[in-house]
Amino acid sequence: MIDATNVTLLPCPFCGGEAMLMAQTFSWEVHCLPCTASVSEETQPEAIAAWNTRTAAEAASKAEIAELVAELFAMTEHYVQLAGCGDCGFWNPEEEERVIAARALLAKHQTEGRGA
């Protein structure tokens, strides 16, 4: 077993945050404290290696997904506010900045071969 106090974990590839190595019941997990990204492996060395060797493409894809989720959440919140205001008769979602941004992210994701 590796001494967890002497383990070097790279910063999170998604947010740059600090990571922590944790023992689970039947596995080891490296967990990012700020954004909760994680990897889980059977052994401590495997978990450390998995965390420290992820590719930039993997990180970029997951970062794009996180960005899309955040944008969709913001859109949903905006729609709820509009629905509750009673004054959305002239609202055109095609002109909403959030809709345009989300569609651009989806289009980029699809043209790069990661989408359906």
N, C-alpha and C. Protein backbone atom coordinates (compact mmCIF):
# COMPACT_ATOMS: atom_id res chain seq x y z
N MET A 1 0.84 -1.19 0.00
CA MET A 1 0.00 0.00 0.00
C MET A 1 0.89 1.25 0.00
N ILE A 2 0.47 2.23 -0.79
CA ILE A 2 1.19 3.49 -0.89
C ILE A 2 0.78 4.39 0.28
N ASP A 3 1.74 5.10 0.82
CA ASP A 3 1.45 6.07 1.88
C ASP A 3 0.70 7.24 1.25
N ALA A 4 -0.56 7.43 1.59
CA ALA A 4 -1.42 8.45 0.98
C ALA A 4 -0.91 9.86 1.21
N THR A 5 -0.11 10.06 2.24
CA THR A 5 0.40 11.41 2.50
C THR A 5 1.52 11.79 1.54
N ASN A 6 2.14 10.80 0.88
CA ASN A 6 3.24 11.06 -0.05
C ASN A 6 2.83 10.88 -1.51
N VAL A 7 1.56 10.84 -1.79
CA VAL A 7 1.06 10.63 -3.14
C VAL A 7 0.98 11.97 -3.86
N THR A 8 1.44 12.00 -5.11
CA THR A 8 1.31 13.20 -5.93
C THR A 8 0.13 13.02 -6.86
N LEU A 9 -0.88 13.83 -6.67
CA LEU A 9 -2.05 13.82 -7.55
C LEU A 9 -2.03 15.11 -8.36
N LEU A 10 -2.20 14.97 -9.66
CA LEU A 10 -2.25 16.15 -10.52
C LEU A 10 -3.53 16.93 -10.23
N PRO A 11 -3.54 18.22 -10.57
CA PRO A 11 -4.77 18.99 -10.41
C PRO A 11 -5.88 18.41 -11.29
N CYS A 12 -7.09 18.67 -10.92
CA CYS A 12 -8.24 18.19 -11.68
C CYS A 12 -8.17 18.71 -13.12
N PRO A 13 -8.33 17.82 -14.11
CA PRO A 13 -8.27 18.28 -15.51
C PRO A 13 -9.50 19.08 -15.92
N PHE A 14 -10.52 19.10 -15.10
CA PHE A 14 -11.75 19.80 -15.44
C PHE A 14 -11.80 21.20 -14.85
N CYS A 15 -11.39 21.32 -13.58
CA CYS A 15 -11.50 22.63 -12.92
C CYS A 15 -10.17 23.11 -12.35
N GLY A 16 -9.14 22.26 -12.35
CA GLY A 16 -7.85 22.63 -11.80
C GLY A 16 -7.77 22.51 -10.29
N GLY A 17 -8.83 21.98 -9.69
CA GLY A 17 -8.90 21.87 -8.23
C GLY A 17 -8.03 20.78 -7.64
N GLU A 18 -7.93 20.80 -6.32
CA GLU A 18 -7.15 19.83 -5.57
C GLU A 18 -7.91 18.51 -5.48
N ALA A 19 -7.18 17.41 -5.60
CA ALA A 19 -7.79 16.08 -5.52
C ALA A 19 -7.39 15.39 -4.23
N MET A 20 -8.21 14.43 -3.83
CA MET A 20 -7.97 13.68 -2.61
C MET A 20 -8.12 12.18 -2.91
N LEU A 21 -7.22 11.39 -2.36
CA LEU A 21 -7.27 9.94 -2.49
C LEU A 21 -8.05 9.38 -1.31
N MET A 22 -9.05 8.54 -1.60
CA MET A 22 -9.90 7.98 -0.53
C MET A 22 -10.09 6.49 -0.71
N ALA A 23 -10.04 5.77 0.39
CA ALA A 23 -10.34 4.34 0.38
C ALA A 23 -11.85 4.16 0.47
N GLN A 24 -12.39 3.32 -0.40
CA GLN A 24 -13.80 2.97 -0.36
C GLN A 24 -13.89 1.52 0.12
N THR A 25 -15.08 0.98 0.23
CA THR A 25 -15.24 -0.38 0.75
C THR A 25 -14.48 -1.41 -0.09
N PHE A 26 -14.65 -1.37 -1.42
CA PHE A 26 -14.00 -2.35 -2.27
C PHE A 26 -13.14 -1.71 -3.36
N SER A 27 -12.79 -0.45 -3.19
CA SER A 27 -12.01 0.24 -4.22
C SER A 27 -11.30 1.45 -3.64
N TRP A 28 -10.55 2.12 -4.51
CA TRP A 28 -9.90 3.38 -4.17
C TRP A 28 -10.43 4.44 -5.11
N GLU A 29 -10.61 5.64 -4.60
CA GLU A 29 -11.15 6.72 -5.41
C GLU A 29 -10.30 7.97 -5.27
N VAL A 30 -10.08 8.64 -6.40
CA VAL A 30 -9.49 9.97 -6.38
C VAL A 30 -10.63 10.91 -6.73
N HIS A 31 -10.82 11.90 -5.88
CA HIS A 31 -12.01 12.76 -5.94
C HIS A 31 -11.56 14.22 -5.94
N CYS A 32 -12.07 15.01 -6.89
CA CYS A 32 -11.77 16.44 -6.90
C CYS A 32 -12.66 17.13 -5.87
N LEU A 33 -12.04 17.90 -5.00
CA LEU A 33 -12.81 18.57 -3.95
C LEU A 33 -13.77 19.64 -4.48
N PRO A 34 -13.34 20.54 -5.38
CA PRO A 34 -14.28 21.58 -5.83
C PRO A 34 -15.39 21.10 -6.76
N CYS A 35 -15.06 20.25 -7.76
CA CYS A 35 -16.09 19.93 -8.77
C CYS A 35 -16.62 18.51 -8.68
N THR A 36 -16.11 17.69 -7.81
CA THR A 36 -16.54 16.32 -7.55
C THR A 36 -16.25 15.32 -8.67
N ALA A 37 -15.40 15.69 -9.64
CA ALA A 37 -14.97 14.69 -10.63
C ALA A 37 -14.23 13.59 -9.88
N SER A 38 -14.31 12.36 -10.39
CA SER A 38 -13.63 11.28 -9.68
C SER A 38 -13.31 10.12 -10.61
N VAL A 39 -12.36 9.31 -10.17
CA VAL A 39 -12.08 8.02 -10.79
C VAL A 39 -12.04 6.99 -9.67
N SER A 40 -12.43 5.78 -9.99
CA SER A 40 -12.44 4.72 -9.00
C SER A 40 -11.81 3.47 -9.61
N GLU A 41 -10.90 2.86 -8.87
CA GLU A 41 -10.22 1.66 -9.34
C GLU A 41 -10.10 0.68 -8.17
N GLU A 42 -9.77 -0.57 -8.50
CA GLU A 42 -9.65 -1.60 -7.46
C GLU A 42 -8.52 -1.35 -6.50
N THR A 43 -7.38 -0.90 -7.02
CA THR A 43 -6.21 -0.72 -6.15
C THR A 43 -5.82 0.75 -6.07
N GLN A 44 -5.07 1.05 -5.04
CA GLN A 44 -4.61 2.42 -4.82
C GLN A 44 -3.72 2.90 -5.97
N PRO A 45 -2.71 2.13 -6.41
CA PRO A 45 -1.88 2.59 -7.53
C PRO A 45 -2.68 2.78 -8.83
N GLU A 46 -3.67 1.91 -9.07
CA GLU A 46 -4.50 2.05 -10.28
C GLU A 46 -5.31 3.34 -10.24
N ALA A 47 -5.85 3.67 -9.08
CA ALA A 47 -6.64 4.90 -8.94
C ALA A 47 -5.77 6.12 -9.18
N ILE A 48 -4.58 6.11 -8.62
CA ILE A 48 -3.66 7.24 -8.79
C ILE A 48 -3.27 7.37 -10.26
N ALA A 49 -2.93 6.26 -10.89
CA ALA A 49 -2.54 6.28 -12.30
C ALA A 49 -3.69 6.75 -13.18
N ALA A 50 -4.90 6.28 -12.90
CA ALA A 50 -6.06 6.68 -13.70
C ALA A 50 -6.30 8.18 -13.59
N TRP A 51 -6.16 8.71 -12.38
CA TRP A 51 -6.36 10.16 -12.18
C TRP A 51 -5.27 10.97 -12.89
N ASN A 52 -4.04 10.53 -12.77
CA ASN A 52 -2.92 11.30 -13.29
C ASN A 52 -2.66 11.14 -14.78
N THR A 53 -3.34 10.23 -15.46
CA THR A 53 -3.04 9.98 -16.87
C THR A 53 -4.23 10.19 -17.81
N ARG A 54 -5.25 10.85 -17.37
CA ARG A 54 -6.38 11.11 -18.28
C ARG A 54 -5.94 12.04 -19.40
N THR A 55 -6.52 11.84 -20.55
CA THR A 55 -6.11 12.63 -21.72
C THR A 55 -6.79 13.99 -21.74
N ALA A 56 -6.21 14.90 -22.47
CA ALA A 56 -6.80 16.23 -22.62
C ALA A 56 -8.14 16.15 -23.35
N ALA A 57 -8.26 15.23 -24.31
CA ALA A 57 -9.52 15.08 -25.05
C ALA A 57 -10.64 14.63 -24.11
N GLU A 58 -10.31 13.72 -23.21
CA GLU A 58 -11.28 13.26 -22.22
C GLU A 58 -11.75 14.42 -21.36
N ALA A 59 -10.81 15.20 -20.90
CA ALA A 59 -11.13 16.35 -20.05
C ALA A 59 -11.94 17.37 -20.82
N ALA A 60 -11.56 17.63 -22.07
CA ALA A 60 -12.29 18.61 -22.89
C ALA A 60 -13.71 18.17 -23.12
N SER A 61 -13.90 16.88 -23.42
CA SER A 61 -15.25 16.37 -23.67
C SER A 61 -16.11 16.49 -22.41
N LYS A 62 -15.56 16.12 -21.27
CA LYS A 62 -16.32 16.22 -20.03
C LYS A 62 -16.57 17.67 -19.64
N ALA A 63 -15.62 18.54 -19.95
CA ALA A 63 -15.80 19.96 -19.65
C ALA A 63 -16.92 20.52 -20.52
N GLU A 64 -16.97 20.10 -21.80
CA GLU A 64 -18.05 20.55 -22.68
C GLU A 64 -19.40 20.06 -22.16
N ILE A 65 -19.45 18.83 -21.72
CA ILE A 65 -20.70 18.29 -21.18
C ILE A 65 -21.13 19.08 -19.95
N ALA A 66 -20.18 19.37 -19.08
CA ALA A 66 -20.49 20.16 -17.88
C ALA A 66 -21.00 21.54 -18.28
N GLU A 67 -20.40 22.13 -19.32
CA GLU A 67 -20.83 23.44 -19.79
C GLU A 67 -22.24 23.38 -20.36
N LEU A 68 -22.53 22.32 -21.12
CA LEU A 68 -23.88 22.14 -21.67
C LEU A 68 -24.91 21.96 -20.56
N VAL A 69 -24.58 21.15 -19.58
CA VAL A 69 -25.50 20.92 -18.46
C VAL A 69 -25.77 22.23 -17.73
N ALA A 70 -24.72 23.01 -17.48
CA ALA A 70 -24.89 24.29 -16.79
C ALA A 70 -25.77 25.23 -17.62
N GLU A 71 -25.55 25.26 -18.92
CA GLU A 71 -26.34 26.13 -19.80
C GLU A 71 -27.80 25.68 -19.83
N LEU A 72 -28.03 24.38 -19.91
CA LEU A 72 -29.41 23.87 -19.91
C LEU A 72 -30.11 24.15 -18.59
N PHE A 73 -29.38 24.03 -17.49
CA PHE A 73 -29.94 24.35 -16.19
C PHE A 73 -30.34 25.82 -16.13
N ALA A 74 -29.46 26.70 -16.61
CA ALA A 74 -29.75 28.13 -16.62
C ALA A 74 -30.97 28.43 -17.49
N MET A 75 -31.06 27.75 -18.63
CA MET A 75 -32.23 27.94 -19.51
C MET A 75 -33.51 27.52 -18.79
N THR A 76 -33.46 26.39 -18.12
CA THR A 76 -34.63 25.89 -17.39
C THR A 76 -35.07 26.89 -16.33
N GLU A 77 -34.10 27.41 -15.58
CA GLU A 77 -34.43 28.40 -14.56
C GLU A 77 -35.07 29.64 -15.18
N HIS A 78 -34.55 30.06 -16.32
CA HIS A 78 -35.09 31.24 -17.00
C HIS A 78 -36.53 30.97 -17.47
N TYR A 79 -36.75 29.78 -18.01
CA TYR A 79 -38.10 29.44 -18.47
C TYR A 79 -39.10 29.41 -17.32
N VAL A 80 -38.67 28.88 -16.18
CA VAL A 80 -39.54 28.84 -15.00
C VAL A 80 -39.91 30.26 -14.57
N GLN A 81 -38.92 31.14 -14.59
CA GLN A 81 -39.19 32.54 -14.23
C GLN A 81 -40.17 33.16 -15.22
N LEU A 82 -39.99 32.91 -16.50
CA LEU A 82 -40.88 33.48 -17.51
C LEU A 82 -42.30 32.93 -17.36
N ALA A 83 -42.41 31.64 -17.11
CA ALA A 83 -43.72 31.02 -16.98
C ALA A 83 -44.48 31.59 -15.78
N GLY A 84 -43.73 31.96 -14.75
CA GLY A 84 -44.37 32.48 -13.55
C GLY A 84 -44.67 33.97 -13.61
N CYS A 85 -44.14 34.68 -14.61
CA CYS A 85 -44.30 36.13 -14.62
C CYS A 85 -45.61 36.58 -15.27
N GLY A 86 -46.21 35.72 -16.09
CA GLY A 86 -47.46 36.09 -16.75
C GLY A 86 -47.28 37.06 -17.89
N ASP A 87 -46.04 37.36 -18.28
CA ASP A 87 -45.79 38.33 -19.34
C ASP A 87 -44.79 37.76 -20.35
N CYS A 88 -45.13 36.64 -20.94
CA CYS A 88 -44.20 36.05 -21.91
C CYS A 88 -44.86 35.89 -23.27
N GLY A 89 -45.88 36.69 -23.54
CA GLY A 89 -46.59 36.59 -24.81
C GLY A 89 -45.74 36.93 -26.02
N PHE A 90 -44.75 37.80 -25.89
CA PHE A 90 -43.93 38.19 -27.03
C PHE A 90 -42.53 37.62 -26.97
N TRP A 91 -42.33 36.64 -26.13
CA TRP A 91 -41.02 36.05 -25.94
C TRP A 91 -40.73 35.06 -27.07
N ASN A 92 -39.57 35.19 -27.69
CA ASN A 92 -39.15 34.30 -28.77
C ASN A 92 -37.89 33.57 -28.33
N PRO A 93 -38.00 32.27 -28.03
CA PRO A 93 -36.83 31.53 -27.55
C PRO A 93 -35.69 31.48 -28.57
N GLU A 94 -36.00 31.63 -29.85
CA GLU A 94 -34.96 31.60 -30.88
C GLU A 94 -34.02 32.80 -30.77
N GLU A 95 -34.43 33.85 -30.09
CA GLU A 95 -33.61 35.05 -29.92
C GLU A 95 -32.92 35.10 -28.55
N GLU A 96 -33.18 34.12 -27.71
CA GLU A 96 -32.57 34.07 -26.37
C GLU A 96 -31.09 33.74 -26.47
N GLU A 97 -30.27 34.53 -25.81
CA GLU A 97 -28.82 34.30 -25.83
C GLU A 97 -28.47 32.90 -25.31
N ARG A 98 -29.17 32.45 -24.29
CA ARG A 98 -28.88 31.13 -23.71
C ARG A 98 -29.21 30.01 -24.69
N VAL A 99 -30.29 30.16 -25.43
CA VAL A 99 -30.66 29.15 -26.44
C VAL A 99 -29.61 29.13 -27.54
N ILE A 100 -29.20 30.29 -28.00
CA ILE A 100 -28.20 30.40 -29.06
C ILE A 100 -26.88 29.78 -28.59
N ALA A 101 -26.46 30.07 -27.37
CA ALA A 101 -25.20 29.52 -26.83
C ALA A 101 -25.27 28.01 -26.68
N ALA A 102 -26.38 27.51 -26.19
CA ALA A 102 -26.52 26.06 -26.02
C ALA A 102 -26.51 25.35 -27.37
N ARG A 103 -27.18 25.92 -28.35
CA ARG A 103 -27.19 25.32 -29.69
C ARG A 103 -25.80 25.33 -30.31
N ALA A 104 -25.05 26.40 -30.10
CA ALA A 104 -23.69 26.47 -30.63
C ALA A 104 -22.81 25.40 -30.00
N LEU A 105 -22.95 25.20 -28.69
CA LEU A 105 -22.17 24.16 -28.01
C LEU A 105 -22.55 22.78 -28.52
N LEU A 106 -23.83 22.54 -28.69
CA LEU A 106 -24.28 21.24 -29.21
C LEU A 106 -23.76 21.02 -30.62
N ALA A 107 -23.83 22.04 -31.47
CA ALA A 107 -23.36 21.91 -32.85
C ALA A 107 -21.86 21.61 -32.88
N LYS A 108 -21.09 22.30 -32.05
CA LYS A 108 -19.65 22.05 -31.98
C LYS A 108 -19.38 20.63 -31.53
N HIS A 109 -20.10 20.19 -30.53
CA HIS A 109 -19.95 18.85 -30.00
C HIS A 109 -20.24 17.81 -31.08
N GLN A 110 -21.28 18.02 -31.86
CA GLN A 110 -21.67 17.07 -32.91
C GLN A 110 -20.69 17.08 -34.07
N THR A 111 -20.21 18.25 -34.50
CA THR A 111 -19.30 18.31 -35.65
C THR A 111 -17.93 17.73 -35.32
N GLU A 112 -17.57 17.68 -34.07
CA GLU A 112 -16.29 17.09 -33.68
C GLU A 112 -16.39 15.59 -33.50
N GLY A 113 -17.54 15.01 -33.83
CA GLY A 113 -17.68 13.56 -33.80
C GLY A 113 -17.99 12.97 -32.46
N ARG A 114 -18.34 13.80 -31.48
CA ARG A 114 -18.65 13.26 -30.15
C ARG A 114 -20.13 13.19 -29.92
N GLY A 115 -20.92 13.75 -30.80
CA GLY A 115 -22.36 13.77 -30.61
C GLY A 115 -23.05 12.73 -31.44
N ALA A 116 -24.36 12.65 -31.27
CA ALA A 116 -25.15 11.66 -32.01
C ALA A 116 -25.48 12.19 -33.39
